[in-house]
């Protein structure tokens, strides 16, 4: 269940959709781990894996594969934090279709509907 959201400009210029989604997922993982630790400290939740839903399969593969690809070697090392968390099984990335991506609700235009 999602109960937090954040919308902000990414701290870097990305060169592809894959890279933009990868950076966004990495930032989401940082936020989710912080929130999970806070809730665990308060006794609200137990140790459970965190699921981050991503609508870009290439970004998921980039996060799961620790090999530096030619197209990703320019990505700042701090964004590869996500790989470490996946390896530790603290985080799992799950693919979700773009039309079902709840995170897009505040960033995509709404369909035009007629009032009558």
N, C-alpha and C. Protein backbone atom coordinates (compact mmCIF):
# COMPACT_ATOMS: atom_id res chain seq x y z
N UNK A 1 0.85 -1.17 0.00
CA UNK A 1 0.00 0.00 0.00
C UNK A 1 0.89 1.24 0.00
N UNK A 2 0.61 2.15 -0.87
CA UNK A 2 1.38 3.40 -0.94
C UNK A 2 0.75 4.42 -0.01
N UNK A 3 1.57 5.11 0.74
CA UNK A 3 1.03 6.14 1.61
C UNK A 3 1.91 7.38 1.65
N UNK A 4 2.81 7.50 0.71
CA UNK A 4 3.61 8.71 0.60
C UNK A 4 3.91 8.95 -0.87
N UNK A 5 4.12 10.19 -1.24
CA UNK A 5 4.49 10.49 -2.61
C UNK A 5 5.33 11.75 -2.61
N UNK A 6 6.06 11.94 -3.69
CA UNK A 6 6.94 13.09 -3.84
C UNK A 6 7.05 13.40 -5.32
N UNK A 7 6.98 14.66 -5.64
CA UNK A 7 7.15 15.10 -7.01
C UNK A 7 8.14 16.24 -7.01
N UNK A 8 9.26 16.05 -7.71
CA UNK A 8 10.25 17.12 -7.78
C UNK A 8 11.12 16.93 -9.01
N UNK A 9 11.81 17.99 -9.36
CA UNK A 9 12.72 17.96 -10.50
C UNK A 9 13.92 17.09 -10.15
N UNK A 10 14.33 16.24 -11.09
CA UNK A 10 15.50 15.39 -10.83
C UNK A 10 16.75 16.24 -10.71
N UNK A 11 17.71 15.81 -9.88
CA UNK A 11 18.91 16.61 -9.63
C UNK A 11 19.91 16.62 -10.78
N UNK A 12 19.68 15.79 -11.80
CA UNK A 12 20.61 15.73 -12.93
C UNK A 12 19.84 15.70 -14.24
N UNK A 13 20.55 15.94 -15.31
CA UNK A 13 19.98 15.80 -16.65
C UNK A 13 20.21 14.35 -17.08
N UNK A 14 19.16 13.68 -17.49
CA UNK A 14 19.29 12.30 -17.93
C UNK A 14 19.22 12.24 -19.45
N UNK A 15 19.83 11.22 -20.00
CA UNK A 15 19.94 11.11 -21.45
C UNK A 15 18.92 10.16 -22.08
N UNK A 16 18.15 9.46 -21.25
CA UNK A 16 17.16 8.53 -21.79
C UNK A 16 16.04 8.32 -20.77
N UNK A 17 14.94 7.75 -21.24
CA UNK A 17 13.84 7.40 -20.33
C UNK A 17 14.29 6.37 -19.31
N UNK A 18 15.09 5.41 -19.76
CA UNK A 18 15.61 4.38 -18.86
C UNK A 18 16.40 5.02 -17.72
N UNK A 19 17.29 5.91 -18.06
CA UNK A 19 18.11 6.56 -17.04
C UNK A 19 17.25 7.40 -16.10
N UNK A 20 16.27 8.11 -16.64
CA UNK A 20 15.39 8.94 -15.80
C UNK A 20 14.62 8.06 -14.81
N UNK A 21 14.10 6.93 -15.28
CA UNK A 21 13.37 6.01 -14.40
C UNK A 21 14.30 5.37 -13.37
N UNK A 22 15.52 5.07 -13.78
CA UNK A 22 16.52 4.47 -12.88
C UNK A 22 16.86 5.43 -11.75
N UNK A 23 17.09 6.69 -12.09
CA UNK A 23 17.40 7.72 -11.09
C UNK A 23 16.20 7.91 -10.16
N UNK A 24 15.01 7.97 -10.73
CA UNK A 24 13.80 8.13 -9.91
C UNK A 24 13.61 6.94 -8.97
N UNK A 25 13.86 5.73 -9.46
CA UNK A 25 13.74 4.54 -8.62
C UNK A 25 14.76 4.57 -7.49
N UNK A 26 15.97 4.99 -7.80
CA UNK A 26 17.02 5.08 -6.78
C UNK A 26 16.64 6.07 -5.69
N UNK A 27 16.13 7.22 -6.08
CA UNK A 27 15.70 8.22 -5.10
C UNK A 27 14.51 7.69 -4.29
N UNK A 28 13.63 6.94 -4.94
CA UNK A 28 12.48 6.34 -4.24
C UNK A 28 12.94 5.31 -3.21
N UNK A 29 13.95 4.53 -3.57
CA UNK A 29 14.48 3.53 -2.64
C UNK A 29 15.05 4.21 -1.40
N UNK A 30 15.79 5.29 -1.59
CA UNK A 30 16.34 6.03 -0.44
C UNK A 30 15.22 6.49 0.48
N UNK A 31 14.19 7.07 -0.09
CA UNK A 31 13.06 7.57 0.69
C UNK A 31 12.32 6.42 1.38
N UNK A 32 12.11 5.33 0.66
CA UNK A 32 11.38 4.19 1.22
C UNK A 32 12.14 3.54 2.37
N UNK A 33 13.45 3.43 2.25
CA UNK A 33 14.25 2.84 3.33
C UNK A 33 14.20 3.73 4.56
N UNK A 34 14.32 5.03 4.36
CA UNK A 34 14.24 5.96 5.49
C UNK A 34 12.88 5.83 6.19
N UNK A 35 11.82 5.82 5.40
CA UNK A 35 10.47 5.73 5.96
C UNK A 35 10.25 4.39 6.66
N UNK A 36 10.75 3.31 6.07
CA UNK A 36 10.63 1.99 6.67
C UNK A 36 11.35 1.93 8.02
N UNK A 37 12.56 2.50 8.07
CA UNK A 37 13.32 2.53 9.33
C UNK A 37 12.58 3.34 10.39
N UNK A 38 12.00 4.45 10.00
CA UNK A 38 11.25 5.28 10.94
C UNK A 38 10.05 4.51 11.50
N UNK A 39 9.28 3.89 10.63
CA UNK A 39 8.10 3.14 11.06
C UNK A 39 8.47 1.92 11.91
N UNK A 40 9.57 1.27 11.56
CA UNK A 40 10.03 0.13 12.36
C UNK A 40 10.46 0.60 13.75
N UNK A 41 11.16 1.72 13.83
CA UNK A 41 11.60 2.29 15.11
C UNK A 41 10.39 2.64 15.98
N UNK A 42 9.32 3.08 15.36
CA UNK A 42 8.10 3.43 16.10
C UNK A 42 7.27 2.19 16.45
N UNK A 43 7.66 1.03 15.94
CA UNK A 43 6.93 -0.19 16.22
C UNK A 43 5.70 -0.39 15.35
N UNK A 44 5.60 0.38 14.29
CA UNK A 44 4.42 0.31 13.42
C UNK A 44 4.51 -0.87 12.45
N UNK A 45 5.71 -1.15 11.94
CA UNK A 45 5.87 -2.26 10.99
C UNK A 45 7.02 -3.16 11.41
N UNK A 46 7.01 -4.36 10.87
CA UNK A 46 8.10 -5.31 11.08
C UNK A 46 9.04 -5.25 9.87
N UNK A 47 10.13 -6.00 9.96
CA UNK A 47 11.05 -6.08 8.83
C UNK A 47 10.37 -6.80 7.67
N UNK A 48 10.12 -6.08 6.64
CA UNK A 48 9.55 -6.65 5.43
C UNK A 48 10.25 -6.00 4.25
N UNK A 49 10.28 -6.69 3.15
CA UNK A 49 10.89 -6.12 1.96
C UNK A 49 10.07 -4.96 1.42
N UNK A 50 10.75 -4.05 0.78
CA UNK A 50 10.11 -2.88 0.19
C UNK A 50 9.94 -3.15 -1.30
N UNK A 51 8.75 -2.93 -1.81
CA UNK A 51 8.48 -3.12 -3.24
C UNK A 51 8.33 -1.75 -3.88
N UNK A 52 9.15 -1.49 -4.89
CA UNK A 52 9.07 -0.26 -5.67
C UNK A 52 8.55 -0.65 -7.05
N UNK A 53 7.46 -0.04 -7.47
CA UNK A 53 6.88 -0.36 -8.78
C UNK A 53 7.41 0.60 -9.83
N UNK A 54 7.98 0.03 -10.88
CA UNK A 54 8.62 0.81 -11.95
C UNK A 54 7.98 0.40 -13.27
N UNK A 55 7.71 1.39 -14.13
CA UNK A 55 7.07 1.07 -15.41
C UNK A 55 8.05 1.02 -16.58
N UNK A 56 9.34 0.88 -16.29
CA UNK A 56 10.35 0.82 -17.33
C UNK A 56 11.20 -0.44 -17.11
N UNK A 57 11.01 -1.43 -17.99
CA UNK A 57 11.72 -2.71 -17.84
C UNK A 57 13.23 -2.55 -17.95
N UNK A 58 13.68 -1.63 -18.79
CA UNK A 58 15.12 -1.40 -18.94
C UNK A 58 15.74 -0.89 -17.65
N UNK A 59 15.03 -0.01 -16.95
CA UNK A 59 15.53 0.51 -15.68
C UNK A 59 15.61 -0.60 -14.63
N UNK A 60 14.64 -1.51 -14.64
CA UNK A 60 14.66 -2.63 -13.71
C UNK A 60 15.85 -3.53 -13.99
N UNK A 61 16.09 -3.84 -15.26
CA UNK A 61 17.23 -4.67 -15.63
C UNK A 61 18.55 -4.00 -15.28
N UNK A 62 18.64 -2.70 -15.49
CA UNK A 62 19.85 -1.95 -15.14
C UNK A 62 20.12 -2.03 -13.64
N UNK A 63 19.07 -1.97 -12.84
CA UNK A 63 19.21 -2.04 -11.38
C UNK A 63 19.60 -3.45 -10.92
N UNK A 64 19.10 -4.46 -11.59
CA UNK A 64 19.36 -5.84 -11.17
C UNK A 64 20.70 -6.36 -11.66
N UNK A 65 21.24 -5.77 -12.71
CA UNK A 65 22.49 -6.25 -13.30
C UNK A 65 23.64 -5.34 -12.88
N UNK A 66 24.56 -5.84 -12.05
CA UNK A 66 25.65 -4.99 -11.55
C UNK A 66 26.74 -4.67 -12.57
N UNK A 67 26.65 -5.22 -13.76
CA UNK A 67 27.65 -4.95 -14.79
C UNK A 67 27.45 -3.54 -15.34
N UNK A 68 28.53 -2.79 -15.47
CA UNK A 68 28.43 -1.45 -16.05
C UNK A 68 28.32 -1.58 -17.57
N UNK A 69 27.24 -1.09 -18.09
CA UNK A 69 27.02 -1.11 -19.53
C UNK A 69 27.61 0.16 -20.13
N UNK A 70 27.96 0.11 -21.39
CA UNK A 70 28.50 1.29 -22.06
C UNK A 70 27.56 2.47 -22.01
N UNK A 71 26.26 2.19 -22.07
CA UNK A 71 25.28 3.28 -22.08
C UNK A 71 24.96 3.81 -20.68
N UNK A 72 25.44 3.13 -19.65
CA UNK A 72 25.12 3.57 -18.29
C UNK A 72 26.36 3.97 -17.49
N UNK A 73 27.52 3.94 -18.11
CA UNK A 73 28.74 4.22 -17.35
C UNK A 73 28.82 5.66 -16.88
N UNK A 74 28.06 6.56 -17.48
CA UNK A 74 28.09 7.97 -17.07
C UNK A 74 27.17 8.26 -15.89
N UNK A 75 26.34 7.30 -15.48
CA UNK A 75 25.41 7.52 -14.37
C UNK A 75 26.21 7.63 -13.08
N UNK A 76 25.92 8.65 -12.31
CA UNK A 76 26.62 8.91 -11.06
C UNK A 76 26.53 7.69 -10.14
N UNK A 77 27.63 7.36 -9.50
CA UNK A 77 27.73 6.18 -8.64
C UNK A 77 26.66 6.19 -7.54
N UNK A 78 26.29 7.34 -7.05
CA UNK A 78 25.32 7.38 -5.94
C UNK A 78 23.96 6.79 -6.33
N UNK A 79 23.64 6.80 -7.61
CA UNK A 79 22.36 6.24 -8.04
C UNK A 79 22.40 4.71 -8.12
N UNK A 80 23.60 4.13 -8.07
CA UNK A 80 23.72 2.67 -8.07
C UNK A 80 23.48 2.07 -6.68
N UNK A 81 23.16 2.91 -5.71
CA UNK A 81 22.78 2.48 -4.37
C UNK A 81 21.64 1.46 -4.44
N UNK A 82 20.81 1.61 -5.41
CA UNK A 82 19.66 0.72 -5.59
C UNK A 82 20.12 -0.73 -5.80
N UNK A 83 21.22 -0.92 -6.51
CA UNK A 83 21.74 -2.27 -6.75
C UNK A 83 22.13 -2.96 -5.44
N UNK A 84 22.77 -2.21 -4.57
CA UNK A 84 23.18 -2.75 -3.27
C UNK A 84 21.98 -3.19 -2.44
N UNK A 85 20.92 -2.39 -2.47
CA UNK A 85 19.72 -2.70 -1.69
C UNK A 85 18.98 -3.91 -2.26
N UNK A 86 19.02 -4.08 -3.57
CA UNK A 86 18.41 -5.26 -4.19
C UNK A 86 19.21 -6.50 -3.80
N UNK A 87 20.53 -6.39 -3.82
CA UNK A 87 21.40 -7.51 -3.46
C UNK A 87 21.18 -7.93 -2.01
N UNK A 88 20.97 -6.96 -1.12
CA UNK A 88 20.71 -7.24 0.30
C UNK A 88 19.27 -7.72 0.55
N UNK A 89 18.46 -7.72 -0.50
CA UNK A 89 17.05 -8.11 -0.44
C UNK A 89 16.21 -7.18 0.45
N UNK A 90 16.65 -5.96 0.57
CA UNK A 90 15.86 -4.96 1.29
C UNK A 90 14.79 -4.37 0.38
N UNK A 91 15.08 -4.41 -0.93
CA UNK A 91 14.20 -3.79 -1.91
C UNK A 91 13.98 -4.74 -3.07
N UNK A 92 12.79 -4.69 -3.62
CA UNK A 92 12.47 -5.45 -4.82
C UNK A 92 11.83 -4.49 -5.81
N UNK A 93 12.27 -4.54 -7.05
CA UNK A 93 11.64 -3.74 -8.10
C UNK A 93 10.63 -4.63 -8.82
N UNK A 94 9.46 -4.09 -9.02
CA UNK A 94 8.38 -4.83 -9.66
C UNK A 94 7.89 -4.03 -10.86
N UNK A 95 7.73 -4.70 -11.99
CA UNK A 95 7.24 -4.00 -13.18
C UNK A 95 5.74 -3.79 -13.08
N UNK A 96 5.31 -2.60 -13.47
CA UNK A 96 3.89 -2.27 -13.52
C UNK A 96 3.65 -1.57 -14.86
N UNK A 97 2.54 -1.87 -15.49
CA UNK A 97 2.21 -1.23 -16.76
C UNK A 97 2.08 0.28 -16.56
N UNK A 98 2.45 1.04 -17.56
CA UNK A 98 2.41 2.51 -17.45
C UNK A 98 1.03 3.02 -17.09
N UNK A 99 0.00 2.43 -17.66
CA UNK A 99 -1.36 2.92 -17.39
C UNK A 99 -1.79 2.64 -15.95
N UNK A 100 -1.10 1.72 -15.26
CA UNK A 100 -1.44 1.38 -13.87
C UNK A 100 -0.45 1.98 -12.87
N UNK A 101 0.46 2.80 -13.35
CA UNK A 101 1.49 3.39 -12.48
C UNK A 101 0.87 4.50 -11.64
N UNK A 102 0.69 4.24 -10.36
CA UNK A 102 0.07 5.21 -9.46
C UNK A 102 0.92 6.47 -9.32
N UNK A 103 2.23 6.35 -9.48
CA UNK A 103 3.11 7.51 -9.32
C UNK A 103 2.91 8.55 -10.41
N UNK A 104 2.32 8.16 -11.53
CA UNK A 104 2.13 9.09 -12.64
C UNK A 104 0.91 9.99 -12.49
N UNK A 105 0.10 9.75 -11.48
CA UNK A 105 -1.16 10.48 -11.36
C UNK A 105 -0.96 11.99 -11.27
N UNK A 106 0.14 12.45 -10.70
CA UNK A 106 0.36 13.89 -10.56
C UNK A 106 1.26 14.46 -11.66
N UNK A 107 1.75 13.60 -12.57
CA UNK A 107 2.67 14.08 -13.59
C UNK A 107 2.15 13.96 -15.01
N UNK A 108 1.06 13.23 -15.20
CA UNK A 108 0.50 13.03 -16.54
C UNK A 108 -0.80 13.81 -16.67
N UNK A 109 -1.09 14.30 -17.87
CA UNK A 109 -2.34 15.05 -18.06
C UNK A 109 -3.56 14.14 -17.92
N UNK A 110 -4.63 14.71 -17.45
CA UNK A 110 -5.89 13.98 -17.34
C UNK A 110 -6.61 14.00 -18.68
N UNK A 111 -7.40 12.97 -18.97
CA UNK A 111 -8.15 12.96 -20.23
C UNK A 111 -9.22 14.06 -20.21
N UNK A 112 -9.49 14.58 -21.37
CA UNK A 112 -10.52 15.62 -21.49
C UNK A 112 -11.88 14.94 -21.45
N UNK A 113 -12.73 15.41 -20.56
CA UNK A 113 -14.09 14.87 -20.48
C UNK A 113 -15.07 16.02 -20.65
N UNK A 114 -16.19 15.72 -21.25
CA UNK A 114 -17.22 16.74 -21.46
C UNK A 114 -18.11 16.80 -20.22
N UNK A 115 -18.44 18.00 -19.77
CA UNK A 115 -19.24 18.11 -18.55
C UNK A 115 -20.67 17.60 -18.69
N UNK A 116 -21.20 17.51 -19.92
CA UNK A 116 -22.59 17.07 -20.12
C UNK A 116 -22.67 15.91 -21.06
